[in-house]
Amino acid sequence: MTNLYKKHIQHSLLIGLLLIAMVACNSPSSSEGEHDEHEDEAGIVELTQAQYEHSKLQTAKISKRNIGAELKVNGIIDVPPQSNISINMPYGGFVKYIDMLPGTVVKKGQFLVSIENPEFIQFQQDYLESLANRSFLEEEYKRQEQLYNEKVASAKSYQQAKSSYLGNEAKLQSMEARLKMIGFNPDKVKNGKISTAVSIYSPVSGSVRAVHTNVGKYINPQDVIMDITNSDDLHVELTVYENDIPKIKKGQRIRFSLSNAPNEWREAEIFLIGTSVREDRSVTVHGHLQHHDTDSVYQDGLVPGMYITARIETDNAQVWAVPNDAVVRFGGKHFVFTFKGKEEENGQPVYQYEMLEVETGSTEDGYTQIAVNDSGIDLATLEIVSQGAFTLLAKSKNSEEEGGHHH
């Protein structure tokens, strides 16, 4: 083959390749066309039938709900001063028996402690002796009164008899009061039941907060044997700073949760607002518990002194709201997914969802207030994804990163 012929063949091949390249440049590729098509679908996520069934999405209409503006504060579970009760013994004595521990739940009238003192015998003996003298002194008083009226006895004898009788009656009353204060039943003493020990019973239902003694220890009259907290009047005590005080009013709703159960909300209602500002520029706000069963308060996990997180409802209005799970956060913004409809593509059903940016407001009872900046959008007509929004968000962002279709 001559060199001239070889050059001719190479020249022909070069011209052919150039023509192919020119045709390719003038014809849009299928990949470019697909890219242009889905640029128009920004914010749209499409699911095939299999993907839709696997995702288990749920949709719902947006509705209006009563949601209040809330003030977030901290506080504790507390009781009023009259509900903290100290148990003591007015006349002192030795602890004979006690089995109470801090935290023990007690009922009103339940046995707490037994105190023994030899002087108790003398108190009961004096009472019985005065009882024995009562009949004699009463009869003598009546006899002298009759003789005095008949001008037989002197006034002095009558006055002495009257004084002795009334003095004994006063003594009996004081002795009965002393026996009751110690813990003895005067009626039982009258029937001859004398004891060196007295039993002390709980004056209220509640919980033992602290025990300050033990068996064999001597208790002085001023000593506290144990402290009991009355469970009948548990309430929330909140700390509100002075800038927020104008927002607070009696009767406002309080929602609060314990630190060990942050998602379990309970309710209370403001009944008292402090009138003095403390050094940290705060005031105390008190709230009564709502739907509160005093017999099961400790089973419900509420104990005085517990720290709580609370929200005070300072306003209430009807607003557009969606379930909390319907709102997703991405790039510092909030979004919901709206259902656009179901279409056919290559003979197969395709479900379309649009990512819509929203502004969020207050949250209450599992619902979040939302609004949109576009006044042309009627929220009442939208059907939003109430469950599974995070699944759509993940699929949308994964598709964007891959630069492909949102299927």
Protein backbone atom coordinates (compact mmCIF):
# COMPACT_ATOMS: atom_id res chain seq x y z
CA MET A 1 0.00 0.00 0.00
CA THR A 2 1.42 3.37 -1.10
CA ASN A 3 1.92 6.27 1.33
CA LEU A 4 -0.53 8.37 -0.69
CA TYR A 5 -3.25 5.74 -0.22
CA LYS A 6 -2.58 5.53 3.55
CA LYS A 7 -2.93 9.30 3.90
CA HIS A 8 -6.25 9.20 2.04
CA ILE A 9 -7.67 6.54 4.42
CA GLN A 10 -6.57 8.51 7.53
CA HIS A 11 -8.09 11.71 6.13
CA SER A 12 -11.45 9.96 5.49
CA LEU A 13 -11.56 8.52 9.04
CA LEU A 14 -10.84 11.94 10.57
CA ILE A 15 -13.68 13.55 8.59
CA GLY A 16 -16.07 10.80 9.72
CA LEU A 17 -15.22 11.28 13.41
CA LEU A 18 -15.71 15.04 13.13
CA LEU A 19 -19.17 14.54 11.59
CA ILE A 20 -20.20 12.18 14.40
CA ALA A 21 -19.02 14.67 17.01
CA MET A 22 -21.00 17.51 15.39
CA VAL A 23 -24.20 15.43 15.37
CA ALA A 24 -23.71 14.54 19.00
CA CYS A 25 -23.27 18.17 19.97
CA ASN A 26 -26.49 19.22 18.20
CA SER A 27 -28.60 16.41 19.80
CA PRO A 28 -29.55 16.73 23.52
CA SER A 29 -28.61 13.64 25.49
CA SER A 30 -31.21 11.68 27.40
CA SER A 31 -29.40 12.38 30.68
CA GLU A 32 -29.51 16.13 30.09
CA GLY A 33 -33.18 15.96 29.24
CA GLU A 34 -33.85 14.01 32.42
CA HIS A 35 -31.95 16.62 34.46
CA ASP A 36 -33.98 19.49 32.93
CA GLU A 37 -37.19 17.63 33.58
CA HIS A 38 -36.49 17.18 37.29
CA GLU A 39 -35.19 20.67 37.79
CA ASP A 40 -38.84 21.63 37.32
CA GLU A 41 -39.71 19.19 40.09
CA ALA A 42 -37.68 20.88 42.86
CA GLY A 43 -39.05 19.95 46.27
CA ILE A 44 -41.11 17.08 44.90
CA VAL A 45 -40.58 13.56 46.23
CA GLU A 46 -42.05 10.65 44.29
CA LEU A 47 -42.68 7.16 45.63
CA THR A 48 -43.41 4.02 43.67
CA GLN A 49 -46.16 1.71 44.82
CA ALA A 50 -43.64 -0.52 46.62
CA GLN A 51 -41.96 2.44 48.30
CA TYR A 52 -45.32 3.87 49.34
CA GLU A 53 -46.43 0.61 50.94
CA HIS A 54 -43.09 0.16 52.71
CA SER A 55 -43.02 3.71 54.12
CA LYS A 56 -46.48 3.38 55.78
CA LEU A 57 -47.14 7.10 55.44
CA GLN A 58 -50.26 8.64 56.95
CA THR A 59 -51.86 11.88 55.80
CA ALA A 60 -54.40 14.24 57.35
CA LYS A 61 -56.06 17.58 56.74
CA ILE A 62 -54.72 20.63 58.59
CA SER A 63 -57.22 21.82 61.20
CA LYS A 64 -57.54 24.63 63.71
CA ARG A 65 -56.96 23.91 67.41
CA ASN A 66 -56.91 25.85 70.67
CA ILE A 67 -53.22 26.35 71.43
CA GLY A 68 -52.02 28.84 73.99
CA ALA A 69 -48.90 30.94 74.06
CA GLU A 70 -46.72 29.46 76.80
CA LEU A 71 -44.13 30.72 79.26
CA LYS A 72 -41.45 28.17 80.14
CA VAL A 73 -40.41 28.12 83.82
CA ASN A 74 -38.92 25.76 86.40
CA GLY A 75 -40.12 24.79 89.85
CA ILE A 76 -40.69 22.03 92.38
CA ILE A 77 -43.46 19.89 93.84
CA ASP A 78 -44.25 21.31 97.27
CA VAL A 79 -46.82 21.45 100.07
CA PRO A 80 -48.00 24.42 102.19
CA PRO A 81 -46.42 24.87 105.66
CA GLN A 82 -49.48 23.44 107.41
CA SER A 83 -48.97 20.18 105.54
CA ASN A 84 -45.48 19.61 107.01
CA ILE A 85 -46.19 18.08 110.43
CA SER A 86 -43.69 17.36 113.21
CA ILE A 87 -44.56 14.57 115.66
CA ASN A 88 -43.48 15.11 119.26
CA MET A 89 -44.31 14.06 122.83
CA PRO A 90 -45.48 16.87 125.20
CA TYR A 91 -44.23 15.14 128.38
CA GLY A 92 -41.21 13.27 127.06
CA GLY A 93 -40.27 9.64 127.59
CA PHE A 94 -38.27 6.71 126.26
CA VAL A 95 -38.92 5.29 122.78
CA LYS A 96 -40.33 1.81 123.35
CA TYR A 97 -41.06 0.85 119.73
CA ILE A 98 -40.72 2.43 116.28
CA ASP A 99 -40.38 0.92 112.80
CA MET A 100 -40.91 3.93 110.53
CA LEU A 101 -38.39 4.83 107.82
CA PRO A 102 -38.13 7.98 105.69
CA GLY A 103 -40.42 7.61 102.70
CA THR A 104 -42.90 5.30 104.44
CA VAL A 105 -46.46 6.04 103.29
CA VAL A 106 -48.88 6.32 106.22
CA LYS A 107 -52.65 6.67 106.56
CA LYS A 108 -54.45 8.91 109.00
CA GLY A 109 -54.74 7.08 112.35
CA GLN A 110 -51.89 4.65 111.61
CA PHE A 111 -49.57 3.69 114.51
CA LEU A 112 -46.24 5.51 114.43
CA VAL A 113 -44.31 5.14 117.73
CA SER A 114 -44.69 3.99 121.34
CA ILE A 115 -43.31 6.19 124.19
CA GLU A 116 -42.83 4.95 127.76
CA ASN A 117 -42.57 7.05 130.93
CA PRO A 118 -43.09 5.96 134.60
CA GLU A 119 -44.70 9.33 135.32
CA PHE A 120 -47.59 8.29 133.11
CA ILE A 121 -48.72 5.92 135.89
CA GLN A 122 -48.88 8.79 138.36
CA PHE A 123 -50.94 10.89 135.94
CA GLN A 124 -53.48 8.10 135.57
CA GLN A 125 -53.54 7.40 139.34
CA ASP A 126 -54.23 11.05 140.14
CA TYR A 127 -57.06 11.05 137.66
CA LEU A 128 -58.64 7.92 139.17
CA GLU A 129 -58.35 9.34 142.70
CA SER A 130 -60.10 12.53 141.64
CA LEU A 131 -62.82 10.45 140.03
CA ALA A 132 -63.24 8.50 143.27
CA ASN A 133 -63.62 11.75 145.25
CA ARG A 134 -66.14 13.17 142.83
CA SER A 135 -69.17 11.29 144.20
CA PHE A 136 -68.31 12.10 147.83
CA LEU A 137 -67.63 15.79 147.15
CA GLU A 138 -70.77 16.12 145.03
CA GLU A 139 -72.97 14.56 147.72
CA GLU A 140 -71.39 16.71 150.45
CA TYR A 141 -71.89 19.84 148.34
CA LYS A 142 -75.59 19.02 147.81
CA ARG A 143 -76.07 18.21 151.51
CA GLN A 144 -74.46 21.47 152.69
CA GLU A 145 -76.48 23.40 150.14
CA GLN A 146 -79.72 21.94 151.49
CA LEU A 147 -78.75 22.60 155.12
CA TYR A 148 -77.75 26.14 154.23
CA ASN A 149 -81.08 26.76 152.54
CA GLU A 150 -82.83 25.43 155.66
CA LYS A 151 -80.77 27.77 157.85
CA VAL A 152 -79.25 24.80 159.65
CA ALA A 153 -75.66 24.93 158.35
CA SER A 154 -73.47 27.98 158.24
CA ALA A 155 -72.57 29.78 155.05
CA LYS A 156 -68.92 28.93 155.62
CA SER A 157 -69.54 25.17 155.60
CA TYR A 158 -71.62 25.49 152.45
CA GLN A 159 -68.95 27.53 150.65
CA GLN A 160 -66.21 25.04 151.66
CA ALA A 161 -68.20 22.11 150.31
CA LYS A 162 -68.97 23.97 147.08
CA SER A 163 -65.32 25.00 146.64
CA SER A 164 -64.05 21.44 147.20
CA TYR A 165 -66.51 20.01 144.68
CA LEU A 166 -65.90 22.59 141.96
CA GLY A 167 -62.13 22.44 142.52
CA ASN A 168 -62.19 18.67 142.02
CA GLU A 169 -64.25 19.07 138.84
CA ALA A 170 -61.71 21.54 137.45
CA LYS A 171 -58.91 19.17 138.38
CA LEU A 172 -60.66 16.30 136.59
CA GLN A 173 -61.08 18.36 133.42
CA SER A 174 -57.42 19.37 133.39
CA MET A 175 -56.32 15.77 134.04
CA GLU A 176 -58.50 14.51 131.19
CA ALA A 177 -57.00 17.15 128.90
CA ARG A 178 -53.48 16.15 129.94
CA LEU A 179 -54.18 12.45 129.38
CA LYS A 180 -55.61 13.17 125.94
CA MET A 181 -52.61 15.36 125.08
CA ILE A 182 -50.24 12.57 126.05
CA GLY A 183 -52.26 10.05 124.09
CA PHE A 184 -54.31 8.20 126.69
CA ASN A 185 -58.04 7.60 126.40
CA PRO A 186 -59.67 8.77 129.66
CA ASP A 187 -62.56 6.31 129.21
CA LYS A 188 -60.12 3.40 129.16
CA VAL A 189 -58.39 4.74 132.25
CA LYS A 190 -61.78 4.92 134.01
CA ASN A 191 -62.21 1.23 133.25
CA GLY A 192 -58.91 0.47 134.96
CA LYS A 193 -56.62 0.16 131.91
CA ILE A 194 -53.44 1.79 133.20
CA SER A 195 -50.27 1.73 131.10
CA THR A 196 -46.70 3.02 131.31
CA ALA A 197 -46.53 3.54 127.53
CA VAL A 198 -48.58 5.54 125.09
CA SER A 199 -49.00 5.01 121.35
CA ILE A 200 -48.81 7.92 118.94
CA TYR A 201 -50.84 7.76 115.70
CA SER A 202 -50.53 9.71 112.47
CA PRO A 203 -52.79 12.80 112.42
CA VAL A 204 -52.86 12.84 108.58
CA SER A 205 -52.30 10.70 105.52
CA GLY A 206 -48.96 11.30 103.89
CA SER A 207 -45.35 10.21 103.90
CA VAL A 208 -42.66 10.10 106.58
CA ARG A 209 -40.12 12.75 105.55
CA ALA A 210 -37.56 12.18 108.35
CA VAL A 211 -37.10 10.12 111.54
CA HIS A 212 -35.07 11.69 114.37
CA THR A 213 -35.00 8.95 117.01
CA ASN A 214 -34.55 5.24 117.70
CA VAL A 215 -35.64 2.59 120.22
CA GLY A 216 -34.38 3.35 123.76
CA LYS A 217 -33.69 7.02 123.17
CA TYR A 218 -35.16 9.56 125.60
CA ILE A 219 -37.38 12.15 123.94
CA ASN A 220 -37.66 15.57 125.57
CA PRO A 221 -40.87 17.57 125.20
CA GLN A 222 -39.22 19.92 122.69
CA ASP A 223 -37.69 17.10 120.61
CA VAL A 224 -39.16 16.13 117.20
CA ILE A 225 -39.68 12.39 116.83
CA MET A 226 -40.38 12.42 113.07
CA ASP A 227 -41.68 14.66 110.29
CA ILE A 228 -44.66 13.76 108.12
CA THR A 229 -45.75 15.45 104.91
CA ASN A 230 -49.48 15.58 104.32
CA SER A 231 -50.15 14.39 100.76
CA ASP A 232 -53.63 15.93 100.54
CA ASP A 233 -52.43 19.32 99.28
CA LEU A 234 -49.49 18.79 96.94
CA HIS A 235 -49.02 21.69 94.55
CA VAL A 236 -46.46 23.11 92.12
CA GLU A 237 -44.27 26.03 93.17
CA LEU A 238 -42.84 27.87 90.16
CA THR A 239 -40.18 30.55 89.80
CA VAL A 240 -41.25 33.39 87.49
CA TYR A 241 -38.98 36.38 86.83
CA GLU A 242 -40.32 39.90 87.23
CA ASN A 243 -40.32 40.69 83.48
CA ASP A 244 -42.87 37.93 82.92
CA ILE A 245 -45.09 38.65 85.93
CA PRO A 246 -47.53 40.87 83.95
CA LYS A 247 -48.38 37.80 81.84
CA ILE A 248 -49.38 35.72 84.88
CA LYS A 249 -52.97 35.56 86.18
CA LYS A 250 -54.93 33.36 88.58
CA GLY A 251 -56.71 30.48 86.87
CA GLN A 252 -54.15 30.07 84.08
CA ARG A 253 -53.33 26.53 83.03
CA ILE A 254 -49.98 24.99 83.92
CA ARG A 255 -48.49 21.96 82.18
CA PHE A 256 -45.53 20.36 83.90
CA SER A 257 -43.33 17.28 83.68
CA LEU A 258 -40.86 15.58 86.00
CA SER A 259 -37.17 15.38 85.16
CA ASN A 260 -37.37 11.57 85.02
CA ALA A 261 -40.40 11.65 82.68
CA PRO A 262 -39.99 14.73 80.42
CA ASN A 263 -42.65 13.60 77.92
CA GLU A 264 -45.36 12.88 80.50
CA TRP A 265 -47.30 16.09 81.03
CA ARG A 266 -49.55 16.80 84.02
CA GLU A 267 -51.81 19.78 84.66
CA ALA A 268 -52.19 22.39 87.37
CA GLU A 269 -53.93 25.76 87.75
CA ILE A 270 -52.52 28.98 89.21
CA PHE A 271 -54.18 29.90 92.51
CA LEU A 272 -51.61 32.21 94.14
CA ILE A 273 -49.05 34.70 92.82
CA GLY A 274 -46.33 36.05 95.10
CA THR A 275 -46.32 39.77 95.85
CA SER A 276 -42.64 40.22 96.81
CA VAL A 277 -39.65 40.10 94.49
CA ARG A 278 -36.67 38.09 95.74
CA GLU A 279 -33.01 39.01 95.36
CA ASP A 280 -32.78 37.10 92.05
CA ARG A 281 -35.66 39.27 90.71
CA SER A 282 -38.18 36.45 90.76
CA VAL A 283 -41.50 35.72 92.45
CA THR A 284 -43.16 32.46 93.46
CA VAL A 285 -46.27 31.21 91.68
CA HIS A 286 -48.35 28.37 93.14
CA GLY A 287 -50.60 25.98 91.23
CA HIS A 288 -53.16 23.39 92.38
CA LEU A 289 -52.86 19.97 90.75
CA GLN A 290 -55.71 19.00 88.43
CA HIS A 291 -57.29 15.52 88.29
CA HIS A 292 -55.35 14.69 91.43
CA ASP A 293 -56.10 11.49 93.38
CA THR A 294 -54.62 11.97 96.85
CA ASP A 295 -54.74 8.26 97.61
CA SER A 296 -52.45 7.42 94.70
CA VAL A 297 -50.22 10.49 94.59
CA TYR A 298 -47.08 8.64 95.60
CA GLN A 299 -47.83 5.79 93.22
CA ASP A 300 -48.03 8.46 90.53
CA GLY A 301 -44.47 9.47 91.38
CA LEU A 302 -45.14 12.92 92.84
CA VAL A 303 -43.08 13.61 95.94
CA PRO A 304 -42.47 17.00 97.62
CA GLY A 305 -39.13 18.50 96.61
CA MET A 306 -39.06 17.06 93.08
CA TYR A 307 -37.82 19.44 90.36
CA ILE A 308 -40.18 20.06 87.45
CA THR A 309 -40.22 21.80 84.08
CA ALA A 310 -43.41 23.76 83.53
CA ARG A 311 -45.21 25.80 80.90
CA ILE A 312 -47.74 28.45 81.87
CA GLU A 313 -50.45 29.08 79.27
CA THR A 314 -50.56 32.88 79.07
CA ASP A 315 -52.91 33.13 76.06
CA ASN A 316 -55.27 30.90 74.09
CA ALA A 317 -56.39 31.15 70.46
CA GLN A 318 -57.54 29.00 67.54
CA VAL A 319 -54.61 28.45 65.17
CA TRP A 320 -53.66 26.13 62.32
CA ALA A 321 -51.87 23.17 63.84
CA VAL A 322 -50.42 19.84 62.74
CA PRO A 323 -49.15 16.81 64.66
CA ASN A 324 -45.60 17.29 65.95
CA ASP A 325 -44.36 14.40 63.79
CA ALA A 326 -45.54 16.23 60.65
CA VAL A 327 -42.94 18.99 61.08
CA VAL A 328 -39.33 18.30 60.04
CA ARG A 329 -36.29 20.54 60.43
CA PHE A 330 -33.58 20.96 57.80
CA GLY A 331 -31.00 23.70 57.27
CA GLY A 332 -32.35 25.74 60.17
CA LYS A 333 -35.85 25.82 58.67
CA HIS A 334 -39.09 23.91 59.27
CA PHE A 335 -41.03 21.99 56.63
CA VAL A 336 -44.10 19.82 56.13
CA PHE A 337 -44.81 17.48 53.21
CA THR A 338 -48.09 17.92 51.33
CA PHE A 339 -49.66 15.17 49.26
CA LYS A 340 -49.89 16.35 45.64
CA GLY A 341 -51.62 13.33 44.19
CA LYS A 342 -51.20 9.99 42.50
CA GLU A 343 -50.12 9.66 38.84
CA GLU A 344 -49.37 6.93 36.34
CA GLU A 345 -45.81 6.62 35.02
CA ASN A 346 -44.92 3.81 32.61
CA GLY A 347 -48.09 2.06 33.66
CA GLN A 348 -47.16 2.15 37.36
CA PRO A 349 -48.67 4.36 40.11
CA VAL A 350 -46.46 7.16 41.49
CA TYR A 351 -47.25 9.12 44.69
CA GLN A 352 -46.08 12.74 44.75
CA TYR A 353 -45.29 14.83 47.86
CA GLU A 354 -44.13 18.45 47.99
CA MET A 355 -41.82 19.89 50.65
CA LEU A 356 -43.40 23.11 52.00
CA GLU A 357 -41.56 25.55 54.28
CA VAL A 358 -43.56 26.69 57.33
CA GLU A 359 -43.15 28.94 60.36
CA THR A 360 -43.78 27.18 63.67
CA GLY A 361 -45.36 28.61 66.83
CA SER A 362 -46.52 27.16 70.14
CA THR A 363 -46.66 23.44 70.83
CA GLU A 364 -49.29 21.79 73.01
CA ASP A 365 -50.69 18.27 73.52
CA GLY A 366 -48.77 16.81 70.59
CA TYR A 367 -49.65 19.57 68.08
CA THR A 368 -47.57 22.46 66.70
CA GLN A 369 -48.86 25.76 65.38
CA ILE A 370 -47.80 26.50 61.76
CA ALA A 371 -48.09 29.33 59.25
CA VAL A 372 -46.85 29.96 55.66
CA ASN A 373 -45.40 33.13 54.18
CA ASP A 374 -47.25 32.68 50.88
CA SER A 375 -50.69 34.26 51.35
CA GLY A 376 -51.90 32.42 48.26
CA ILE A 377 -51.74 29.05 50.03
CA ASP A 378 -54.96 27.98 51.71
CA LEU A 379 -53.93 25.70 54.59
CA ALA A 380 -57.44 24.28 54.85
CA THR A 381 -57.09 22.66 51.41
CA LEU A 382 -53.76 20.95 52.11
CA GLU A 383 -53.36 17.31 52.98
CA ILE A 384 -50.13 16.86 54.92
CA VAL A 385 -48.07 13.83 55.86
CA SER A 386 -48.88 13.35 59.56
CA GLN A 387 -46.67 10.29 60.01
CA GLY A 388 -43.52 9.45 58.05
CA ALA A 389 -42.35 12.98 57.20
CA PHE A 390 -38.79 12.16 58.29
CA THR A 391 -38.75 9.27 55.83
CA LEU A 392 -39.64 11.65 52.98
CA LEU A 393 -37.05 14.20 54.15
CA ALA A 394 -34.31 11.57 54.14
CA LYS A 395 -35.33 10.37 50.67
CA SER A 396 -35.48 13.91 49.31
CA LYS A 397 -32.00 14.85 50.55
CA ASN A 398 -30.45 11.54 49.50
CA SER A 399 -31.84 12.04 46.00
CA GLU A 400 -30.40 15.57 45.84
CA GLU A 401 -26.96 14.36 46.94
CA GLU A 402 -27.01 11.63 44.30
CA GLY A 403 -28.12 14.18 41.71
CA GLY A 404 -30.72 11.83 40.39
CA HIS A 405 -34.46 11.23 40.34
CA HIS A 406 -36.52 11.48 43.54
CA HIS A 407 -38.00 8.06 42.96
